[in-house]
């Protein structure tokens, strides 16, 4: 039964008109030339070329990762200091 309901709704939406463009096309846009198509082979060759990572880049990334790990370790501590937590617990009782 649900399948027929979904199929009916999809059929109704397929019969609607597509929405109009948001605004009129300006004369500058209408007169603009089409973009030039670029050959795909040089782009694919560039994507498959070896990377530019060298020893210095690897060292920089390693130091950044170490710094982020230290920062994450510092954030893992308690949010509220133990003495403040004890004082809060005493106030609740």
N, C-alpha and C. Protein backbone atom coordinates (compact mmCIF):
# COMPACT_ATOMS: atom_id res chain seq x y z
N UNK A 1 0.83 -1.19 0.00
CA UNK A 1 0.00 0.00 0.00
C UNK A 1 0.87 1.25 0.00
N UNK A 2 1.92 1.24 0.84
CA UNK A 2 2.82 2.39 0.88
C UNK A 2 3.52 2.60 -0.45
N UNK A 3 3.85 1.50 -1.10
CA UNK A 3 4.54 1.59 -2.38
C UNK A 3 3.68 2.31 -3.41
N UNK A 4 2.38 2.03 -3.42
CA UNK A 4 1.48 2.70 -4.35
C UNK A 4 1.37 4.20 -4.03
N UNK A 5 1.36 4.53 -2.76
CA UNK A 5 1.28 5.93 -2.35
C UNK A 5 2.54 6.68 -2.80
N UNK A 6 3.68 6.08 -2.57
CA UNK A 6 4.94 6.71 -2.98
C UNK A 6 5.00 6.82 -4.49
N UNK A 7 4.61 5.78 -5.18
CA UNK A 7 4.61 5.81 -6.65
C UNK A 7 3.67 6.89 -7.17
N UNK A 8 2.52 7.04 -6.54
CA UNK A 8 1.57 8.08 -6.95
C UNK A 8 2.14 9.48 -6.73
N UNK A 9 2.79 9.69 -5.59
CA UNK A 9 3.37 11.00 -5.32
C UNK A 9 4.50 11.31 -6.29
N UNK A 10 5.32 10.32 -6.59
CA UNK A 10 6.41 10.53 -7.55
C UNK A 10 5.87 10.83 -8.93
N UNK A 11 4.78 10.17 -9.30
CA UNK A 11 4.17 10.43 -10.60
C UNK A 11 3.64 11.85 -10.68
N UNK A 12 3.02 12.32 -9.61
CA UNK A 12 2.50 13.69 -9.59
C UNK A 12 3.62 14.72 -9.69
N UNK A 13 4.72 14.48 -9.01
CA UNK A 13 5.81 15.45 -9.06
C UNK A 13 6.50 15.43 -10.42
N UNK A 14 6.45 14.33 -11.14
CA UNK A 14 7.08 14.25 -12.46
C UNK A 14 6.28 15.05 -13.48
N UNK A 15 5.04 15.35 -13.21
CA UNK A 15 4.20 16.08 -14.17
C UNK A 15 4.26 17.59 -13.98
N UNK A 16 5.02 18.08 -13.05
CA UNK A 16 5.07 19.53 -12.82
C UNK A 16 6.02 20.19 -13.80
N UNK A 17 5.85 21.48 -13.97
CA UNK A 17 6.74 22.27 -14.81
C UNK A 17 8.03 22.57 -14.05
N UNK A 18 9.16 22.56 -14.72
CA UNK A 18 10.39 22.93 -14.03
C UNK A 18 10.35 24.40 -13.65
N UNK A 19 11.02 24.78 -12.58
CA UNK A 19 10.98 26.18 -12.16
C UNK A 19 11.70 27.07 -13.16
N UNK A 20 11.21 28.30 -13.25
CA UNK A 20 11.83 29.27 -14.16
C UNK A 20 13.17 29.71 -13.57
N UNK A 21 14.00 30.30 -14.42
CA UNK A 21 15.27 30.80 -13.93
C UNK A 21 15.02 31.90 -12.92
N UNK A 22 15.95 32.07 -12.03
CA UNK A 22 15.77 33.00 -10.92
C UNK A 22 15.60 34.44 -11.40
N UNK A 23 16.36 34.84 -12.36
CA UNK A 23 16.26 36.21 -12.83
C UNK A 23 16.55 36.28 -14.32
N UNK A 24 16.34 37.44 -14.88
CA UNK A 24 16.61 37.59 -16.31
C UNK A 24 18.12 37.53 -16.59
N UNK A 25 18.46 37.10 -17.77
CA UNK A 25 19.86 37.07 -18.18
C UNK A 25 20.25 38.47 -18.61
N UNK A 26 21.33 38.97 -18.04
CA UNK A 26 21.78 40.32 -18.38
C UNK A 26 22.35 40.33 -19.80
N UNK A 27 22.35 41.47 -20.44
CA UNK A 27 22.93 41.54 -21.79
C UNK A 27 24.42 41.15 -21.81
N UNK A 28 25.15 41.48 -20.75
CA UNK A 28 26.56 41.11 -20.69
C UNK A 28 26.71 39.59 -20.65
N UNK A 29 25.86 38.94 -19.88
CA UNK A 29 25.93 37.48 -19.80
C UNK A 29 25.52 36.84 -21.12
N UNK A 30 24.54 37.41 -21.78
CA UNK A 30 24.09 36.86 -23.06
C UNK A 30 25.16 37.03 -24.13
N UNK A 31 25.93 38.13 -24.06
CA UNK A 31 26.96 38.40 -25.07
C UNK A 31 28.30 37.76 -24.73
N UNK A 32 28.43 37.19 -23.54
CA UNK A 32 29.71 36.61 -23.12
C UNK A 32 30.04 35.39 -23.97
N UNK A 33 31.31 35.20 -24.28
CA UNK A 33 31.69 34.03 -25.07
C UNK A 33 31.60 32.76 -24.22
N UNK A 34 31.43 31.65 -24.88
CA UNK A 34 31.41 30.38 -24.17
C UNK A 34 32.82 30.10 -23.65
N UNK A 35 32.93 29.43 -22.54
CA UNK A 35 34.26 29.10 -22.03
C UNK A 35 34.97 28.13 -22.97
N UNK A 36 36.28 28.26 -23.05
CA UNK A 36 37.04 27.36 -23.91
C UNK A 36 37.22 26.02 -23.19
N UNK A 37 37.03 24.97 -23.93
CA UNK A 37 37.24 23.64 -23.38
C UNK A 37 38.73 23.33 -23.40
N UNK A 38 39.20 22.79 -22.34
CA UNK A 38 40.61 22.45 -22.22
C UNK A 38 40.79 20.96 -22.45
N UNK A 39 41.91 20.56 -23.03
CA UNK A 39 42.15 19.13 -23.22
C UNK A 39 42.32 18.45 -21.86
N UNK A 40 41.82 17.26 -21.77
CA UNK A 40 41.82 16.53 -20.50
C UNK A 40 43.14 15.83 -20.23
N UNK A 41 43.88 15.46 -21.24
CA UNK A 41 45.11 14.69 -21.07
C UNK A 41 46.14 15.40 -20.18
N UNK A 42 46.43 16.70 -20.37
CA UNK A 42 47.40 17.35 -19.48
C UNK A 42 46.95 17.39 -18.02
N UNK A 43 45.66 17.57 -17.80
CA UNK A 43 45.16 17.58 -16.42
C UNK A 43 45.31 16.21 -15.76
N UNK A 44 45.02 15.15 -16.52
CA UNK A 44 45.18 13.80 -15.97
C UNK A 44 46.65 13.50 -15.71
N UNK A 45 47.53 13.95 -16.60
CA UNK A 45 48.97 13.72 -16.40
C UNK A 45 49.45 14.45 -15.16
N UNK A 46 48.98 15.65 -14.95
CA UNK A 46 49.37 16.42 -13.77
C UNK A 46 48.86 15.75 -12.49
N UNK A 47 47.67 15.19 -12.54
CA UNK A 47 47.11 14.53 -11.36
C UNK A 47 47.86 13.25 -11.03
N UNK A 48 48.42 12.60 -12.04
CA UNK A 48 49.13 11.33 -11.80
C UNK A 48 50.62 11.54 -11.60
N UNK A 49 51.10 12.78 -11.70
CA UNK A 49 52.53 13.06 -11.50
C UNK A 49 52.89 12.84 -10.04
N UNK A 50 54.16 12.53 -9.78
CA UNK A 50 54.57 12.35 -8.39
C UNK A 50 54.38 13.65 -7.60
N UNK A 51 54.12 13.50 -6.33
CA UNK A 51 53.85 14.65 -5.48
C UNK A 51 55.08 15.49 -5.22
N UNK A 52 54.87 16.62 -4.58
CA UNK A 52 55.96 17.53 -4.27
C UNK A 52 56.35 17.45 -2.81
N UNK A 53 56.09 16.34 -2.18
CA UNK A 53 56.44 16.18 -0.77
C UNK A 53 57.90 15.78 -0.68
N UNK A 54 58.65 16.52 0.10
CA UNK A 54 60.05 16.19 0.31
C UNK A 54 60.29 15.95 1.80
N UNK A 55 61.54 15.81 2.18
CA UNK A 55 61.85 15.51 3.58
C UNK A 55 61.41 16.65 4.49
N UNK A 56 61.58 17.90 4.06
CA UNK A 56 61.18 19.04 4.89
C UNK A 56 59.66 19.08 5.08
N UNK A 57 58.92 18.80 4.02
CA UNK A 57 57.46 18.78 4.12
C UNK A 57 57.02 17.70 5.08
N UNK A 58 57.62 16.52 4.97
CA UNK A 58 57.27 15.42 5.86
C UNK A 58 57.59 15.77 7.31
N UNK A 59 58.73 16.43 7.54
CA UNK A 59 59.10 16.82 8.91
C UNK A 59 58.11 17.85 9.45
N UNK A 60 57.72 18.81 8.60
CA UNK A 60 56.74 19.82 9.03
C UNK A 60 55.41 19.17 9.39
N UNK A 61 54.97 18.24 8.56
CA UNK A 61 53.70 17.55 8.84
C UNK A 61 53.81 16.73 10.12
N UNK A 62 54.95 16.10 10.32
CA UNK A 62 55.15 15.31 11.54
C UNK A 62 55.11 16.18 12.78
N UNK A 63 55.75 17.36 12.72
CA UNK A 63 55.74 18.24 13.89
C UNK A 63 54.35 18.80 14.13
N UNK A 64 53.61 19.11 13.06
CA UNK A 64 52.23 19.58 13.23
C UNK A 64 51.37 18.49 13.87
N UNK A 65 51.55 17.26 13.42
CA UNK A 65 50.77 16.16 13.99
C UNK A 65 51.11 15.96 15.46
N UNK A 66 52.40 16.06 15.81
CA UNK A 66 52.79 15.93 17.22
C UNK A 66 52.18 17.04 18.06
N UNK A 67 52.20 18.26 17.53
CA UNK A 67 51.61 19.39 18.27
C UNK A 67 50.11 19.18 18.48
N UNK A 68 49.43 18.69 17.47
CA UNK A 68 47.99 18.44 17.60
C UNK A 68 47.71 17.30 18.57
N UNK A 69 48.56 16.29 18.58
CA UNK A 69 48.38 15.19 19.55
C UNK A 69 48.57 15.69 20.98
N UNK A 70 49.57 16.55 21.20
CA UNK A 70 49.79 17.11 22.55
C UNK A 70 48.59 17.97 22.96
N UNK A 71 48.08 18.73 22.03
CA UNK A 71 46.92 19.57 22.33
C UNK A 71 45.70 18.71 22.67
N UNK A 72 45.49 17.63 21.92
CA UNK A 72 44.37 16.73 22.20
C UNK A 72 44.54 16.07 23.56
N UNK A 73 45.77 15.69 23.89
CA UNK A 73 46.01 15.07 25.20
C UNK A 73 45.70 16.05 26.33
N UNK A 74 46.04 17.32 26.13
CA UNK A 74 45.75 18.32 27.15
C UNK A 74 44.25 18.54 27.32
N UNK A 75 43.51 18.39 26.24
CA UNK A 75 42.05 18.57 26.32
C UNK A 75 41.34 17.38 26.95
N UNK A 76 42.02 16.25 27.04
CA UNK A 76 41.38 15.06 27.61
C UNK A 76 41.25 15.13 29.13
N UNK A 77 41.89 16.07 29.76
CA UNK A 77 41.84 16.19 31.21
C UNK A 77 40.45 16.56 31.70
N UNK A 78 40.31 16.66 33.01
CA UNK A 78 39.00 17.03 33.56
C UNK A 78 38.63 18.46 33.17
N UNK A 79 37.35 18.67 32.97
CA UNK A 79 36.87 19.99 32.58
C UNK A 79 36.84 20.91 33.80
N UNK A 80 36.44 20.38 34.92
CA UNK A 80 36.37 21.14 36.17
C UNK A 80 37.48 20.61 37.08
N UNK A 81 38.24 21.52 37.64
CA UNK A 81 39.34 21.13 38.54
C UNK A 81 38.77 20.35 39.73
N UNK A 82 39.55 19.38 40.25
CA UNK A 82 39.04 18.54 41.35
C UNK A 82 38.60 19.33 42.57
N UNK A 83 39.35 20.38 42.98
CA UNK A 83 38.94 21.15 44.16
C UNK A 83 37.64 21.91 43.91
N UNK A 84 37.46 22.42 42.69
CA UNK A 84 36.22 23.10 42.35
C UNK A 84 35.06 22.12 42.31
N UNK A 85 35.30 20.92 41.78
CA UNK A 85 34.26 19.90 41.75
C UNK A 85 33.83 19.52 43.17
N UNK A 86 34.80 19.36 44.09
CA UNK A 86 34.47 19.02 45.48
C UNK A 86 33.65 20.11 46.13
N UNK A 87 34.02 21.38 45.88
CA UNK A 87 33.28 22.50 46.45
C UNK A 87 31.85 22.53 45.88
N UNK A 88 31.70 22.25 44.61
CA UNK A 88 30.36 22.20 44.00
C UNK A 88 29.53 21.08 44.59
N UNK A 89 30.14 19.93 44.79
CA UNK A 89 29.42 18.79 45.37
C UNK A 89 28.97 19.12 46.80
N UNK A 90 29.82 19.80 47.55
CA UNK A 90 29.43 20.17 48.94
C UNK A 90 28.26 21.15 48.92
N UNK A 91 28.21 22.02 47.93
CA UNK A 91 27.14 23.01 47.86
C UNK A 91 25.80 22.37 47.52
N UNK A 92 25.85 21.27 46.79
CA UNK A 92 24.62 20.59 46.40
C UNK A 92 24.00 19.89 47.59
N UNK A 93 24.79 19.34 48.45
CA UNK A 93 24.25 18.56 49.59
C UNK A 93 23.70 19.41 50.64
